[in-house]
Amino acid sequence: MKYLKLFENFNEEDIHSICKRYGIKNYTINNDGSIDVDGYVDLSEEELTKLPLKFNVVSGHFDCSFNKLTSLEGCPEEINGDFSCSKNKLTSLEGCPKEVGGYFSCSNNILTSLEGCPEEINGDFYCYNNKLTSLEGCPKKVDGNFYCSYNFLTSFEHCPKKIYGNFVCFNNKITSFDYLPFSIGGNFYCEDNPIYEIWKLFEDYDRIDFFNDCDPIREPNIIILDLFNDCDPIREPDIIILDRLNFFLEKIGKPPVNNVKGYKCI
């Protein structure tokens, strides 16, 4: 297709034709072949395998969701509205916008890293339903809600320091409250994680620092040699020290427990 030429080889006629094809209006062509758009850009559900133009600044929203993109090459540098690249085949956020004025959604891809994200998001941040094992590279500040559910996260490490809305991280593999944001303006949802079995005992975000001070969770790297399985090393499950957990529960007026599902209690 002629819309998939290299950006730098486009002449003005090409750019006008492509903008007409995708309903892009109020645009200015820059010397490098990129365009600024005074308004929104909607490239969703076009079966694109790459972006058809090189964008620079977009004053409204930019939506390239529900395509077959494997790269964000050509994305705007700056978007004053919302940005969505959800429902594609992205494995990386390389090339994504540096500044986004609204929400940022990269959900429903096959991302293994958040490297390349803007440092600050002025709305909600969606990275759910990917293949993330770490939040490294995620924004340092999120003014809205933070959604990282349906991934393979084992830790809250690299979370934003502050989330002004809800923090939603259910359906991961998180076993500890370490590295949680200092403050959450909304609610904390961690269902379908091992840590939820502990969270539901008290469900008070303001108590987490005290919980961590009591230090009831241990994560040993105990190696067991199984002679019937070619001596493969097996990692022990996370351990709860019941005396410390029950001390914490007693101090906040909650009843003691004898076990915690998903943990080895000692």
C-alpha atoms as a PDB file:
ATOM      1  CA  MET A   1       0.000   0.000   0.000  1.00  0.00           C
ATOM      2  CA  LYS A   2       1.229   3.493  -0.781  1.00  0.00           C
ATOM      3  CA  TYR A   3       0.336   4.550   2.781  1.00  0.00           C
ATOM      4  CA  LEU A   4       3.191   2.457   4.126  1.00  0.00           C
ATOM      5  CA  LYS A   5       6.068   4.291   2.417  1.00  0.00           C
ATOM      6  CA  LEU A   6       8.919   5.538   4.559  1.00  0.00           C
ATOM      7  CA  PHE A   7       7.873   8.764   6.244  1.00  0.00           C
ATOM      8  CA  GLU A   8      10.835  10.750   4.942  1.00  0.00           C
ATOM      9  CA  ASN A   9       9.981   9.848   1.350  1.00  0.00           C
ATOM     10  CA  PHE A  10       6.495  11.336   1.497  1.00  0.00           C
ATOM     11  CA  ASN A  11       5.869  14.400  -0.607  1.00  0.00           C
ATOM     12  CA  GLU A  12       3.043  16.812   0.158  1.00  0.00           C
ATOM     13  CA  GLU A  13       0.711  15.096  -2.247  1.00  0.00           C
ATOM     14  CA  ASP A  14       1.235  11.772  -0.444  1.00  0.00           C
ATOM     15  CA  ILE A  15       0.570  13.383   2.938  1.00  0.00           C
ATOM     16  CA  HIS A  16      -2.611  15.125   1.771  1.00  0.00           C
ATOM     17  CA  SER A  17      -3.855  11.863   0.281  1.00  0.00           C
ATOM     18  CA  ILE A  18      -3.161   9.884   3.455  1.00  0.00           C
ATOM     19  CA  CYS A  19      -4.768  12.521   5.684  1.00  0.00           C
ATOM     20  CA  LYS A  20      -7.876  12.470   3.515  1.00  0.00           C
ATOM     21  CA  ARG A  21      -7.951   8.658   3.639  1.00  0.00           C
ATOM     22  CA  TYR A  22      -7.948   8.640   7.456  1.00  0.00           C
ATOM     23  CA  GLY A  23     -10.068  11.739   8.063  1.00  0.00           C
ATOM     24  CA  ILE A  24      -7.219  13.820   9.506  1.00  0.00           C
ATOM     25  CA  LYS A  25      -8.002  17.535   9.354  1.00  0.00           C
ATOM     26  CA  ASN A  26      -6.426  20.838  10.454  1.00  0.00           C
ATOM     27  CA  TYR A  27      -2.866  19.624  10.008  1.00  0.00           C
ATOM     28  CA  THR A  28       0.428  21.346   9.258  1.00  0.00           C
ATOM     29  CA  ILE A  29       3.261  19.636   7.382  1.00  0.00           C
ATOM     30  CA  ASN A  30       6.705  20.067   8.936  1.00  0.00           C
ATOM     31  CA  ASN A  31      10.069  20.105   7.152  1.00  0.00           C
ATOM     32  CA  ASP A  32      10.921  16.563   8.293  1.00  0.00           C
ATOM     33  CA  GLY A  33       7.748  15.121   6.753  1.00  0.00           C
ATOM     34  CA  SER A  34       5.915  14.914  10.094  1.00  0.00           C
ATOM     35  CA  ILE A  35       2.604  16.613  10.719  1.00  0.00           C
ATOM     36  CA  ASP A  36       1.112  18.625  13.581  1.00  0.00           C
ATOM     37  CA  VAL A  37      -2.634  18.196  14.049  1.00  0.00           C
ATOM     38  CA  ASP A  38      -4.888  20.767  15.663  1.00  0.00           C
ATOM     39  CA  GLY A  39      -7.537  18.311  16.804  1.00  0.00           C
ATOM     40  CA  TYR A  40      -7.855  14.569  17.268  1.00  0.00           C
ATOM     41  CA  VAL A  41      -6.522  11.622  15.257  1.00  0.00           C
ATOM     42  CA  ASP A  42      -8.555   8.420  15.110  1.00  0.00           C
ATOM     43  CA  LEU A  43      -6.725   5.520  13.446  1.00  0.00           C
ATOM     44  CA  SER A  44      -8.528   2.793  15.378  1.00  0.00           C
ATOM     45  CA  GLU A  45      -9.838  -0.389  13.726  1.00  0.00           C
ATOM     46  CA  GLU A  46      -8.018   0.175  10.420  1.00  0.00           C
ATOM     47  CA  GLU A  47      -6.063  -3.118  10.400  1.00  0.00           C
ATOM     48  CA  LEU A  48      -2.820  -1.135  10.372  1.00  0.00           C
ATOM     49  CA  THR A  49       0.481  -2.951  10.766  1.00  0.00           C
ATOM     50  CA  LYS A  50       2.297   0.390  11.142  1.00  0.00           C
ATOM     51  CA  LEU A  51       1.284   4.022  11.458  1.00  0.00           C
ATOM     52  CA  PRO A  52       0.681   5.622   8.051  1.00  0.00           C
ATOM     53  CA  LEU A  53       2.346   8.974   8.849  1.00  0.00           C
ATOM     54  CA  LYS A  54       4.926  10.530  11.101  1.00  0.00           C
ATOM     55  CA  PHE A  55       3.160  12.689  13.696  1.00  0.00           C
ATOM     56  CA  ASN A  56       4.742  15.415  15.825  1.00  0.00           C
ATOM     57  CA  VAL A  57       2.251  17.345  18.005  1.00  0.00           C
ATOM     58  CA  VAL A  58      -1.452  16.489  18.315  1.00  0.00           C
ATOM     59  CA  SER A  59      -3.609  18.922  20.268  1.00  0.00           C
ATOM     60  CA  GLY A  60      -6.431  16.428  20.897  1.00  0.00           C
ATOM     61  CA  HIS A  61      -6.676  12.667  21.379  1.00  0.00           C
ATOM     62  CA  PHE A  62      -4.644  10.086  19.443  1.00  0.00           C
ATOM     63  CA  ASP A  63      -6.184   6.640  19.068  1.00  0.00           C
ATOM     64  CA  CYS A  64      -4.464   3.812  17.200  1.00  0.00           C
ATOM     65  CA  SER A  65      -6.120   0.964  19.093  1.00  0.00           C
ATOM     66  CA  PHE A  66      -7.625  -2.242  17.656  1.00  0.00           C
ATOM     67  CA  ASN A  67      -5.048  -2.658  14.896  1.00  0.00           C
ATOM     68  CA  LYS A  68      -2.139  -5.018  14.220  1.00  0.00           C
ATOM     69  CA  LEU A  69       0.676  -2.657  15.131  1.00  0.00           C
ATOM     70  CA  THR A  70       4.006  -4.175  16.105  1.00  0.00           C
ATOM     71  CA  SER A  71       5.751  -0.796  16.442  1.00  0.00           C
ATOM     72  CA  LEU A  72       4.867   2.740  17.536  1.00  0.00           C
ATOM     73  CA  GLU A  73       7.193   4.319  14.990  1.00  0.00           C
ATOM     74  CA  GLY A  74       5.578   7.545  13.819  1.00  0.00           C
ATOM     75  CA  CYS A  75       3.704   8.281  17.067  1.00  0.00           C
ATOM     76  CA  PRO A  76       3.387  11.929  18.097  1.00  0.00           C
ATOM     77  CA  GLU A  77       6.046  13.346  20.380  1.00  0.00           C
ATOM     78  CA  GLU A  78       3.368  15.255  22.271  1.00  0.00           C
ATOM     79  CA  ILE A  79      -0.366  14.670  22.711  1.00  0.00           C
ATOM     80  CA  ASN A  80      -2.490  17.128  24.658  1.00  0.00           C
ATOM     81  CA  GLY A  81      -5.402  14.699  24.978  1.00  0.00           C
ATOM     82  CA  ASP A  82      -5.645  10.948  25.561  1.00  0.00           C
ATOM     83  CA  PHE A  83      -3.444   8.289  23.965  1.00  0.00           C
ATOM     84  CA  SER A  84      -4.462   4.708  23.243  1.00  0.00           C
ATOM     85  CA  CYS A  85      -2.466   1.980  21.498  1.00  0.00           C
ATOM     86  CA  SER A  86      -4.424  -0.849  23.148  1.00  0.00           C
ATOM     87  CA  LYS A  87      -5.445  -4.049  21.356  1.00  0.00           C
ATOM     88  CA  ASN A  88      -2.410  -4.359  19.089  1.00  0.00           C
ATOM     89  CA  LYS A  89       0.593  -6.695  18.889  1.00  0.00           C
ATOM     90  CA  LEU A  90       3.131  -4.461  20.591  1.00  0.00           C
ATOM     91  CA  THR A  91       6.055  -6.008  22.441  1.00  0.00           C
ATOM     92  CA  SER A  92       7.665  -2.641  23.230  1.00  0.00           C
ATOM     93  CA  LEU A  93       6.625   0.973  23.865  1.00  0.00           C
ATOM     94  CA  GLU A  94       9.642   2.328  22.024  1.00  0.00           C
ATOM     95  CA  GLY A  95       8.530   5.371  20.047  1.00  0.00           C
ATOM     96  CA  CYS A  96       5.519   6.203  22.214  1.00  0.00           C
ATOM     97  CA  PRO A  97       4.731   9.858  23.066  1.00  0.00           C
ATOM     98  CA  LYS A  98       6.964  11.691  25.556  1.00  0.00           C
ATOM     99  CA  GLU A  99       4.122  13.849  26.821  1.00  0.00           C
ATOM    100  CA  VAL A 100       0.445  12.928  27.174  1.00  0.00           C
ATOM    101  CA  GLY A 101      -2.108  15.360  28.559  1.00  0.00           C
ATOM    102  CA  GLY A 102      -4.846  12.822  29.321  1.00  0.00           C
ATOM    103  CA  TYR A 103      -4.950   9.094  29.916  1.00  0.00           C
ATOM    104  CA  PHE A 104      -2.433   6.564  28.527  1.00  0.00           C
ATOM    105  CA  SER A 105      -3.550   3.079  27.504  1.00  0.00           C
ATOM    106  CA  CYS A 106      -1.260   0.300  26.268  1.00  0.00           C
ATOM    107  CA  SER A 107      -3.465  -2.541  27.515  1.00  0.00           C
ATOM    108  CA  ASN A 108      -4.174  -5.779  25.647  1.00  0.00           C
ATOM    109  CA  ASN A 109      -0.832  -6.097  23.904  1.00  0.00           C
ATOM    110  CA  ILE A 110       2.075  -8.489  24.467  1.00  0.00           C
ATOM    111  CA  LEU A 111       4.335  -6.012  26.242  1.00  0.00           C
ATOM    112  CA  THR A 112       7.144  -7.391  28.375  1.00  0.00           C
ATOM    113  CA  SER A 113       8.412  -3.952  29.462  1.00  0.00           C
ATOM    114  CA  LEU A 114       7.065  -0.438  30.118  1.00  0.00           C
ATOM    115  CA  GLU A 115      10.331   1.222  29.149  1.00  0.00           C
ATOM    116  CA  GLY A 116       9.639   4.319  27.081  1.00  0.00           C
ATOM    117  CA  CYS A 117       6.518   5.478  28.959  1.00  0.00           C
ATOM    118  CA  PRO A 118       6.123   9.167  29.761  1.00  0.00           C
ATOM    119  CA  GLU A 119       7.335   9.991  33.272  1.00  0.00           C
ATOM    120  CA  GLU A 120       4.062  11.673  34.203  1.00  0.00           C
ATOM    121  CA  ILE A 121       0.484  10.826  33.226  1.00  0.00           C
ATOM    122  CA  ASN A 122      -2.185  13.458  33.818  1.00  0.00           C
ATOM    123  CA  GLY A 123      -5.046  10.938  33.644  1.00  0.00           C
ATOM    124  CA  ASP A 124      -5.449   7.188  34.058  1.00  0.00           C
ATOM    125  CA  PHE A 125      -2.725   4.680  33.155  1.00  0.00           C
ATOM    126  CA  TYR A 126      -3.722   1.306  31.670  1.00  0.00           C
ATOM    127  CA  CYS A 127      -1.200  -1.489  31.113  1.00  0.00           C
ATOM    128  CA  TYR A 128      -3.399  -4.459  31.993  1.00  0.00           C
ATOM    129  CA  ASN A 129      -3.503  -7.745  30.075  1.00  0.00           C
ATOM    130  CA  ASN A 130       0.086  -7.844  28.857  1.00  0.00           C
ATOM    131  CA  LYS A 131       3.048 -10.079  29.696  1.00  0.00           C
ATOM    132  CA  LEU A 132       4.721  -7.805  32.225  1.00  0.00           C
ATOM    133  CA  THR A 133       6.858  -9.370  34.937  1.00  0.00           C
ATOM    134  CA  SER A 134       8.012  -5.976  36.262  1.00  0.00           C
ATOM    135  CA  LEU A 135       6.733  -2.387  36.397  1.00  0.00           C
ATOM    136  CA  GLU A 136      10.157  -1.020  35.535  1.00  0.00           C
ATOM    137  CA  GLY A 137       9.801   1.943  33.207  1.00  0.00           C
ATOM    138  CA  CYS A 138       6.275   2.864  34.297  1.00  0.00           C
ATOM    139  CA  PRO A 139       5.358   6.515  34.999  1.00  0.00           C
ATOM    140  CA  LYS A 140       6.647   8.067  38.215  1.00  0.00           C
ATOM    141  CA  LYS A 141       3.437   9.992  38.727  1.00  0.00           C
ATOM    142  CA  VAL A 142      -0.154   9.127  37.766  1.00  0.00           C
ATOM    143  CA  ASP A 143      -2.857  11.725  38.386  1.00  0.00           C
ATOM    144  CA  GLY A 144      -5.695   9.245  37.788  1.00  0.00           C
ATOM    145  CA  ASN A 145      -6.167   5.503  38.255  1.00  0.00           C
ATOM    146  CA  PHE A 146      -3.429   2.907  37.715  1.00  0.00           C
ATOM    147  CA  TYR A 147      -4.439  -0.427  36.161  1.00  0.00           C
ATOM    148  CA  CYS A 148      -1.845  -3.213  35.878  1.00  0.00           C
ATOM    149  CA  SER A 149      -4.047  -6.300  36.263  1.00  0.00           C
ATOM    150  CA  TYR A 150      -3.724  -9.548  34.286  1.00  0.00           C
ATOM    151  CA  ASN A 151       0.037  -9.604  34.033  1.00  0.00           C
ATOM    152  CA  PHE A 152       2.769 -11.717  35.627  1.00  0.00           C
ATOM    153  CA  LEU A 153       3.979  -9.214  38.209  1.00  0.00           C
ATOM    154  CA  THR A 154       5.672 -10.632  41.310  1.00  0.00           C
ATOM    155  CA  SER A 155       6.405  -7.318  43.040  1.00  0.00           C
ATOM    156  CA  PHE A 156       5.246  -3.711  43.372  1.00  0.00           C
ATOM    157  CA  GLU A 157       8.800  -2.545  42.704  1.00  0.00           C
ATOM    158  CA  HIS A 158       9.024   0.475  40.347  1.00  0.00           C
ATOM    159  CA  CYS A 159       5.441   1.552  41.105  1.00  0.00           C
ATOM    160  CA  PRO A 160       4.748   5.292  40.959  1.00  0.00           C
ATOM    161  CA  LYS A 161       5.486   6.974  44.275  1.00  0.00           C
ATOM    162  CA  LYS A 162       2.022   8.497  44.283  1.00  0.00           C
ATOM    163  CA  ILE A 163      -1.235   7.512  42.596  1.00  0.00           C
ATOM    164  CA  TYR A 164      -4.051  10.015  42.879  1.00  0.00           C
ATOM    165  CA  GLY A 165      -6.832   7.584  41.940  1.00  0.00           C
ATOM    166  CA  ASN A 166      -7.357   3.848  42.422  1.00  0.00           C
ATOM    167  CA  PHE A 167      -4.578   1.278  42.258  1.00  0.00           C
ATOM    168  CA  VAL A 168      -5.869  -1.881  40.534  1.00  0.00           C
ATOM    169  CA  CYS A 169      -3.437  -4.804  40.300  1.00  0.00           C
ATOM    170  CA  PHE A 170      -5.548  -7.945  40.541  1.00  0.00           C
ATOM    171  CA  ASN A 171      -4.641 -11.231  38.873  1.00  0.00           C
ATOM    172  CA  ASN A 172      -0.872 -11.128  39.237  1.00  0.00           C
ATOM    173  CA  LYS A 173       1.602 -13.085  41.391  1.00  0.00           C
ATOM    174  CA  ILE A 174       2.439 -10.515  44.060  1.00  0.00           C
ATOM    175  CA  THR A 175       3.332 -11.875  47.519  1.00  0.00           C
ATOM    176  CA  SER A 176       4.515  -8.799  49.438  1.00  0.00           C
ATOM    177  CA  PHE A 177       3.447  -5.212  50.212  1.00  0.00           C
ATOM    178  CA  ASP A 178       7.003  -3.963  49.656  1.00  0.00           C
ATOM    179  CA  TYR A 179       7.423  -1.031  47.208  1.00  0.00           C
ATOM    180  CA  LEU A 180       3.785   0.058  47.248  1.00  0.00           C
ATOM    181  CA  PRO A 181       3.189   3.765  46.492  1.00  0.00           C
ATOM    182  CA  PHE A 182       3.548   6.084  49.473  1.00  0.00           C
ATOM    183  CA  SER A 183      -0.026   7.210  48.956  1.00  0.00           C
ATOM    184  CA  ILE A 184      -3.084   6.241  46.951  1.00  0.00           C
ATOM    185  CA  GLY A 185      -5.889   8.754  46.587  1.00  0.00           C
ATOM    186  CA  GLY A 186      -8.529   6.116  45.805  1.00  0.00           C
ATOM    187  CA  ASN A 187      -8.893   2.442  46.622  1.00  0.00           C
ATOM    188  CA  PHE A 188      -6.441  -0.462  46.494  1.00  0.00           C
ATOM    189  CA  TYR A 189      -7.543  -3.637  44.681  1.00  0.00           C
ATOM    190  CA  CYS A 190      -5.284  -6.707  44.732  1.00  0.00           C
ATOM    191  CA  GLU A 191      -7.653  -9.655  44.302  1.00  0.00           C
ATOM    192  CA  ASP A 192      -6.251 -12.833  42.736  1.00  0.00           C
ATOM    193  CA  ASN A 193      -2.758 -12.265  44.100  1.00  0.00           C
ATOM    194  CA  PRO A 194      -1.253 -14.230  46.991  1.00  0.00           C
ATOM    195  CA  ILE A 195      -0.993 -10.956  48.944  1.00  0.00           C
ATOM    196  CA  TYR A 196      -4.786 -10.565  48.823  1.00  0.00           C
ATOM    197  CA  GLU A 197      -5.117 -13.329  51.420  1.00  0.00           C
ATOM    198  CA  ILE A 198      -3.288 -11.040  53.848  1.00  0.00           C
ATOM    199  CA  TRP A 199      -4.850  -7.792  52.625  1.00  0.00           C
ATOM    200  CA  LYS A 200      -8.387  -8.998  53.312  1.00  0.00           C
ATOM    201  CA  LEU A 201      -7.467  -9.543  56.976  1.00  0.00           C
ATOM    202  CA  PHE A 202      -7.320  -5.774  57.541  1.00  0.00           C
ATOM    203  CA  GLU A 203      -8.000  -3.824  54.271  1.00  0.00           C
ATOM    204  CA  ASP A 204      -6.577  -0.510  55.443  1.00  0.00           C
ATOM    205  CA  TYR A 205      -3.901   1.100  53.283  1.00  0.00           C
ATOM    206  CA  ASP A 206      -2.787   3.337  56.137  1.00  0.00           C
ATOM    207  CA  ARG A 207      -1.789   0.214  58.102  1.00  0.00           C
ATOM    208  CA  ILE A 208       0.630  -1.156  55.509  1.00  0.00           C
ATOM    209  CA  ASP A 209       3.692   0.651  56.874  1.00  0.00           C
ATOM    210  CA  PHE A 210       2.977  -0.830  60.307  1.00  0.00           C
ATOM    211  CA  PHE A 211       2.465  -4.250  58.724  1.00  0.00           C
ATOM    212  CA  ASN A 212       5.852  -4.007  57.014  1.00  0.00           C
ATOM    213  CA  ASP A 213       7.466  -2.874  60.281  1.00  0.00           C
ATOM    214  CA  CYS A 214       6.181  -6.069  61.923  1.00  0.00           C
ATOM    215  CA  ASP A 215       7.928  -7.966  59.098  1.00  0.00           C
ATOM    216  CA  PRO A 216       5.812 -11.164  59.034  1.00  0.00           C
ATOM    217  CA  ILE A 217       6.633 -12.229  55.453  1.00  0.00           C
ATOM    218  CA  ARG A 218       9.778 -14.093  54.493  1.00  0.00           C
ATOM    219  CA  GLU A 219      10.878 -15.024  50.961  1.00  0.00           C
ATOM    220  CA  PRO A 220      13.670 -17.603  51.388  1.00  0.00           C
ATOM    221  CA  ASN A 221      15.551 -19.130  48.493  1.00  0.00           C
ATOM    222  CA  ILE A 222      15.592 -22.626  49.917  1.00  0.00           C
ATOM    223  CA  ILE A 223      16.800 -25.231  47.449  1.00  0.00           C
ATOM    224  CA  ILE A 224      15.532 -28.786  47.760  1.00  0.00           C
ATOM    225  CA  LEU A 225      17.203 -31.550  45.798  1.00  0.00           C
ATOM    226  CA  ASP A 226      14.607 -33.941  44.413  1.00  0.00           C
ATOM    227  CA  LEU A 227      16.406 -37.084  43.349  1.00  0.00           C
ATOM    228  CA  PHE A 228      13.277 -38.273  41.541  1.00  0.00           C
ATOM    229  CA  ASN A 229      13.213 -35.182  39.341  1.00  0.00           C
ATOM    230  CA  ASP A 230      16.794 -35.060  38.084  1.00  0.00           C
ATOM    231  CA  CYS A 231      17.807 -32.989  41.111  1.00  0.00           C
ATOM    232  CA  ASP A 232      15.930 -29.917  39.862  1.00  0.00           C
ATOM    233  CA  PRO A 233      15.952 -27.127  42.440  1.00  0.00           C
ATOM    234  CA  ILE A 234      12.541 -26.201  43.864  1.00  0.00           C
ATOM    235  CA  ARG A 235      11.882 -22.871  45.510  1.00  0.00           C
ATOM    236  CA  GLU A 236       9.960 -22.982  48.781  1.00  0.00           C
ATOM    237  CA  PRO A 237       6.733 -20.945  48.924  1.00  0.00           C
ATOM    238  CA  ASP A 238       6.686 -17.595  50.716  1.00  0.00           C
ATOM    239  CA  ILE A 239       6.633 -17.944  54.458  1.00  0.00           C
ATOM    240  CA  ILE A 240       4.417 -16.197  57.008  1.00  0.00           C
ATOM    241  CA  ILE A 241       5.717 -15.886  60.557  1.00  0.00           C
ATOM    242  CA  LEU A 242       2.408 -16.291  62.372  1.00  0.00           C
ATOM    243  CA  ASP A 243       3.534 -14.743  65.662  1.00  0.00           C
ATOM    244  CA  ARG A 244       4.425 -11.513  63.879  1.00  0.00           C
ATOM    245  CA  LEU A 245       1.292 -11.508  61.738  1.00  0.00           C
ATOM    246  CA  ASN A 246      -0.923 -12.066  64.773  1.00  0.00           C
ATOM    247  CA  PHE A 247       0.944  -9.392  66.721  1.00  0.00           C
ATOM    248  CA  PHE A 248       0.103  -6.966  63.920  1.00  0.00           C
ATOM    249  CA  LEU A 249      -3.541  -8.072  63.826  1.00  0.00           C
ATOM    250  CA  GLU A 250      -3.868  -7.787  67.601  1.00  0.00           C
ATOM    251  CA  LYS A 251      -2.475  -4.251  67.603  1.00  0.00           C
ATOM    252  CA  ILE A 252      -5.040  -3.082  65.046  1.00  0.00           C
ATOM    253  CA  GLY A 253      -7.930  -4.848  66.752  1.00  0.00           C
ATOM    254  CA  LYS A 254      -8.333  -7.794  64.359  1.00  0.00           C
ATOM    255  CA  PRO A 255      -8.673 -11.484  65.315  1.00  0.00           C
ATOM    256  CA  PRO A 256      -5.652 -13.807  64.997  1.00  0.00           C
ATOM    257  CA  VAL A 257      -5.348 -16.455  62.288  1.00  0.00           C
ATOM    258  CA  ASN A 258      -3.903 -19.967  62.187  1.00  0.00           C
ATOM    259  CA  ASN A 259      -2.919 -19.993  58.518  1.00  0.00           C
ATOM    260  CA  VAL A 260      -2.908 -17.911  55.339  1.00  0.00           C
ATOM    261  CA  LYS A 261      -3.804 -19.481  52.011  1.00  0.00           C
ATOM    262  CA  GLY A 262      -0.881 -19.596  49.584  1.00  0.00           C
ATOM    263  CA  TYR A 263       1.800 -19.169  52.250  1.00  0.00           C
ATOM    264  CA  LYS A 264       3.746 -21.585  54.425  1.00  0.00           C
ATOM    265  CA  CYS A 265       2.993 -20.522  57.993  1.00  0.00           C
ATOM    266  CA  ILE A 266       5.591 -21.086  60.727  1.00  0.00           C
END
